[in-house]
Amino acid sequence: MLEQILKEFSSGNSLNISRLAARLNSSPEMVTAMLDHLASIGVLESIECSAQSCKDCLLVNQCRSNKPENKLWKYKAKR
């Protein structure tokens, strides 16, 4: 299932946890745990977002949540 998550990231679309969970036939909690795991091993980078920075965020139109507890993930840059 981790490979499926990475495939979804490679599609270039923004994803929310609920939609990703539905695509993977999983729960939002499981998807969040897998994303956190991928971040912990350095494949993804976890980005904490806050309502204060939404106006400057490039993903503001895709996120549409404006909730400070939200987290975003992106591929971690390779060195």
Protein backbone atom coordinates (compact mmCIF):
# COMPACT_ATOMS: atom_id res chain seq x y z
CA MET A 1 0.00 0.00 0.00
CA LEU A 2 2.97 2.35 0.55
CA GLU A 3 3.83 1.98 -3.14
CA GLN A 4 0.26 2.94 -4.04
CA ILE A 5 0.57 6.10 -1.96
CA LEU A 6 3.78 7.02 -3.75
CA LYS A 7 2.07 6.41 -7.12
CA GLU A 8 -0.65 8.83 -6.09
CA PHE A 9 2.00 11.42 -5.26
CA SER A 10 3.65 10.93 -8.64
CA SER A 11 0.37 11.80 -10.37
CA GLY A 12 0.99 15.42 -9.41
CA ASN A 13 -2.51 15.99 -8.07
CA SER A 14 -3.12 17.34 -4.62
CA LEU A 15 -4.72 14.75 -2.39
CA ASN A 16 -6.67 14.92 0.78
CA ILE A 17 -6.62 12.12 3.31
CA SER A 18 -10.26 11.11 2.82
CA ARG A 19 -9.97 10.81 -0.97
CA LEU A 20 -6.67 8.98 -0.72
CA ALA A 21 -8.13 6.56 1.82
CA ALA A 22 -11.08 5.89 -0.49
CA ARG A 23 -8.75 5.24 -3.45
CA LEU A 24 -6.72 2.83 -1.36
CA ASN A 25 -9.77 1.20 0.23
CA SER A 26 -8.39 2.10 3.64
CA SER A 27 -9.18 4.37 6.56
CA PRO A 28 -8.01 7.99 6.90
CA GLU A 29 -6.18 6.98 10.09
CA MET A 30 -4.24 4.25 8.29
CA VAL A 31 -3.33 6.59 5.43
CA THR A 32 -2.14 9.21 7.91
CA ALA A 33 0.00 6.60 9.67
CA MET A 34 1.53 5.51 6.36
CA LEU A 35 2.27 9.11 5.35
CA ASP A 36 3.89 9.72 8.73
CA HIS A 37 5.96 6.56 8.27
CA LEU A 38 7.12 7.63 4.80
CA ALA A 39 8.13 10.96 6.30
CA SER A 40 10.01 9.27 9.15
CA ILE A 41 12.14 7.24 6.71
CA GLY A 42 12.90 10.29 4.59
CA VAL A 43 10.79 9.58 1.50
CA LEU A 44 8.30 12.34 2.18
CA GLU A 45 8.64 15.62 3.99
CA SER A 46 5.92 16.59 6.42
CA ILE A 47 4.91 20.24 6.34
CA GLU A 48 2.86 21.66 9.15
CA CYS A 49 0.53 24.31 7.87
CA SER A 50 -1.33 26.98 9.75
CA ALA A 51 -4.24 29.23 9.01
CA GLN A 52 -1.90 32.20 9.31
CA SER A 53 0.12 31.13 6.29
CA CYS A 54 -2.71 29.97 4.00
CA LYS A 55 -2.81 33.26 2.13
CA ASP A 56 0.81 32.72 1.07
CA CYS A 57 0.53 29.00 0.38
CA LEU A 58 0.69 27.74 -3.20
CA LEU A 59 -1.77 24.97 -2.35
CA VAL A 60 -4.45 27.18 -0.81
CA ASN A 61 -6.92 26.45 -3.64
CA GLN A 62 -6.46 22.69 -3.33
CA CYS A 63 -6.49 22.54 0.46
CA ARG A 64 -9.60 24.59 1.17
CA SER A 65 -9.54 23.65 4.83
CA ASN A 66 -7.83 26.52 6.64
CA LYS A 67 -7.34 24.35 9.72
CA PRO A 68 -4.10 24.83 11.68
CA GLU A 69 -3.88 21.13 12.54
CA ASN A 70 -3.56 20.12 8.89
CA LYS A 71 -0.38 18.60 7.59
CA LEU A 72 0.89 18.43 4.04
CA TRP A 73 3.39 16.02 2.57
CA LYS A 74 5.73 16.32 -0.38
CA TYR A 75 8.53 14.26 -1.85
CA LYS A 76 11.70 15.03 -0.03
CA ALA A 77 14.37 16.57 -2.22
CA LYS A 78 17.17 14.17 -3.06
CA ARG A 79 20.70 15.37 -2.37
